Amino acid sequence: MQFIKDVWHEMRLTTWPTGGELMRYTGIVLSTIILVAIFLGIVDSIAQWAFAWFINL
């Protein structure tokens, strides 16, 4: 039971983000995910083309 009390105490000490900060951070994370997905898609397409070209030599 002491563990639960300690957890509750620590949770009260935590500084939680405001709604605006949360939306901003969410936007940054989603933008980063989209950019990485686009980058990996481009790299995959180039690698696929290069391997196909190499096999057809």
N, C-alpha and C. Protein backbone atom coordinates (compact mmCIF):
# COMPACT_ATOMS: atom_id res chain seq x y z
N MET A 1 0.82 -1.19 0.00
CA MET A 1 0.00 0.00 0.00
C MET A 1 0.86 1.25 0.00
N GLN A 2 2.03 1.17 0.62
CA GLN A 2 2.93 2.32 0.67
C GLN A 2 3.39 2.70 -0.74
N PHE A 3 3.57 1.68 -1.59
CA PHE A 3 3.99 1.94 -2.97
C PHE A 3 2.97 2.81 -3.68
N ILE A 4 1.69 2.50 -3.54
CA ILE A 4 0.62 3.26 -4.18
C ILE A 4 0.63 4.71 -3.67
N LYS A 5 0.83 4.89 -2.39
CA LYS A 5 0.89 6.25 -1.82
C LYS A 5 2.07 7.01 -2.39
N ASP A 6 3.21 6.33 -2.51
CA ASP A 6 4.40 6.98 -3.06
C ASP A 6 4.19 7.37 -4.53
N VAL A 7 3.58 6.49 -5.28
CA VAL A 7 3.28 6.79 -6.69
C VAL A 7 2.35 7.98 -6.77
N TRP A 8 1.31 7.99 -5.97
CA TRP A 8 0.35 9.10 -5.97
C TRP A 8 1.05 10.42 -5.63
N HIS A 9 1.94 10.37 -4.65
CA HIS A 9 2.68 11.57 -4.24
C HIS A 9 3.55 12.07 -5.40
N GLU A 10 4.24 11.18 -6.06
CA GLU A 10 5.11 11.57 -7.18
C GLU A 10 4.29 12.11 -8.35
N MET A 11 3.12 11.53 -8.58
CA MET A 11 2.27 12.02 -9.68
C MET A 11 1.80 13.44 -9.41
N ARG A 12 1.58 13.79 -8.16
CA ARG A 12 1.16 15.15 -7.82
C ARG A 12 2.30 16.14 -8.02
N LEU A 13 3.55 15.68 -7.91
CA LEU A 13 4.71 16.55 -8.10
C LEU A 13 5.05 16.78 -9.56
N THR A 14 4.50 15.95 -10.44
CA THR A 14 4.80 16.03 -11.86
C THR A 14 4.21 17.30 -12.46
N THR A 15 4.97 17.96 -13.32
CA THR A 15 4.47 19.12 -14.06
C THR A 15 3.90 18.62 -15.38
N TRP A 16 2.60 18.71 -15.53
CA TRP A 16 1.93 18.21 -16.71
C TRP A 16 1.86 19.31 -17.76
N PRO A 17 1.93 18.97 -19.06
CA PRO A 17 1.86 19.99 -20.10
C PRO A 17 0.45 20.58 -20.20
N THR A 18 0.39 21.83 -20.64
CA THR A 18 -0.91 22.46 -20.86
C THR A 18 -1.51 21.89 -22.14
N GLY A 19 -2.76 22.22 -22.39
CA GLY A 19 -3.41 21.74 -23.60
C GLY A 19 -2.71 22.21 -24.86
N GLY A 20 -2.27 23.48 -24.85
CA GLY A 20 -1.57 24.03 -26.01
C GLY A 20 -0.24 23.35 -26.25
N GLU A 21 0.50 23.10 -25.17
CA GLU A 21 1.78 22.40 -25.30
C GLU A 21 1.57 20.99 -25.82
N LEU A 22 0.54 20.34 -25.32
CA LEU A 22 0.25 18.97 -25.75
C LEU A 22 -0.06 18.92 -27.24
N MET A 23 -0.86 19.88 -27.72
CA MET A 23 -1.19 19.93 -29.14
C MET A 23 0.07 20.21 -29.98
N ARG A 24 0.90 21.10 -29.48
CA ARG A 24 2.14 21.43 -30.19
C ARG A 24 3.06 20.22 -30.28
N TYR A 25 3.25 19.54 -29.17
CA TYR A 25 4.12 18.36 -29.16
C TYR A 25 3.55 17.24 -30.04
N THR A 26 2.24 17.09 -30.02
CA THR A 26 1.60 16.08 -30.86
C THR A 26 1.83 16.39 -32.33
N GLY A 27 1.71 17.67 -32.70
CA GLY A 27 1.96 18.08 -34.08
C GLY A 27 3.39 17.81 -34.50
N ILE A 28 4.33 18.08 -33.60
CA ILE A 28 5.74 17.83 -33.91
C ILE A 28 5.99 16.34 -34.12
N VAL A 29 5.43 15.51 -33.26
CA VAL A 29 5.62 14.06 -33.38
C VAL A 29 5.00 13.55 -34.68
N LEU A 30 3.78 13.97 -34.99
CA LEU A 30 3.13 13.50 -36.22
C LEU A 30 3.87 13.98 -37.46
N SER A 31 4.34 15.22 -37.45
CA SER A 31 5.11 15.74 -38.58
C SER A 31 6.40 14.95 -38.78
N THR A 32 7.07 14.64 -37.69
CA THR A 32 8.30 13.87 -37.77
C THR A 32 8.03 12.47 -38.32
N ILE A 33 6.96 11.84 -37.87
CA ILE A 33 6.61 10.50 -38.36
C ILE A 33 6.34 10.54 -39.85
N ILE A 34 5.61 11.55 -40.31
CA ILE A 34 5.28 11.66 -41.73
C ILE A 34 6.54 11.89 -42.56
N LEU A 35 7.42 12.78 -42.09
CA LEU A 35 8.67 13.04 -42.82
C LEU A 35 9.56 11.81 -42.89
N VAL A 36 9.67 11.08 -41.81
CA VAL A 36 10.49 9.86 -41.80
C VAL A 36 9.87 8.80 -42.73
N ALA A 37 8.56 8.70 -42.72
CA ALA A 37 7.89 7.72 -43.61
C ALA A 37 8.14 8.07 -45.08
N ILE A 38 8.07 9.36 -45.42
CA ILE A 38 8.34 9.77 -46.80
C ILE A 38 9.79 9.48 -47.16
N PHE A 39 10.71 9.83 -46.27
CA PHE A 39 12.12 9.57 -46.52
C PHE A 39 12.39 8.08 -46.73
N LEU A 40 11.85 7.24 -45.85
CA LEU A 40 12.06 5.80 -45.98
C LEU A 40 11.42 5.25 -47.25
N GLY A 41 10.27 5.80 -47.64
CA GLY A 41 9.64 5.38 -48.89
C GLY A 41 10.51 5.70 -50.10
N ILE A 42 11.13 6.89 -50.09
CA ILE A 42 12.03 7.27 -51.18
C ILE A 42 13.26 6.37 -51.21
N VAL A 43 13.86 6.14 -50.05
CA VAL A 43 15.04 5.27 -49.98
C VAL A 43 14.69 3.86 -50.43
N ASP A 44 13.53 3.36 -50.04
CA ASP A 44 13.10 2.02 -50.45
C ASP A 44 12.91 1.95 -51.96
N SER A 45 12.31 2.96 -52.55
CA SER A 45 12.10 2.98 -54.00
C SER A 45 13.43 2.99 -54.74
N ILE A 46 14.37 3.79 -54.27
CA ILE A 46 15.69 3.84 -54.90
C ILE A 46 16.40 2.51 -54.77
N ALA A 47 16.34 1.90 -53.58
CA ALA A 47 16.99 0.60 -53.38
C ALA A 47 16.34 -0.47 -54.25
N GLN A 48 15.03 -0.44 -54.36
CA GLN A 48 14.33 -1.42 -55.20
C GLN A 48 14.75 -1.26 -56.65
N TRP A 49 14.83 -0.03 -57.12
CA TRP A 49 15.24 0.22 -58.50
C TRP A 49 16.68 -0.24 -58.71
N ALA A 50 17.58 0.07 -57.76
CA ALA A 50 18.99 -0.30 -57.89
C ALA A 50 19.16 -1.82 -57.90
N PHE A 51 18.46 -2.53 -57.04
CA PHE A 51 18.58 -3.99 -57.02
C PHE A 51 18.01 -4.60 -58.29
N ALA A 52 16.91 -4.07 -58.79
CA ALA A 52 16.33 -4.58 -60.04
C ALA A 52 17.30 -4.34 -61.19
N TRP A 53 17.91 -3.18 -61.24
CA TRP A 53 18.88 -2.87 -62.29
C TRP A 53 20.08 -3.80 -62.20
N PHE A 54 20.57 -4.05 -60.97
CA PHE A 54 21.73 -4.91 -60.77
C PHE A 54 21.43 -6.35 -61.18
N ILE A 55 20.25 -6.84 -60.87
CA ILE A 55 19.88 -8.21 -61.22
C ILE A 55 19.76 -8.38 -62.73
N ASN A 56 19.32 -7.34 -63.42
CA ASN A 56 19.11 -7.43 -64.87
C ASN A 56 20.38 -7.18 -65.68
N LEU A 57 21.53 -7.04 -65.04
CA LEU A 57 22.78 -6.82 -65.80
C LEU A 57 23.15 -8.00 -66.63
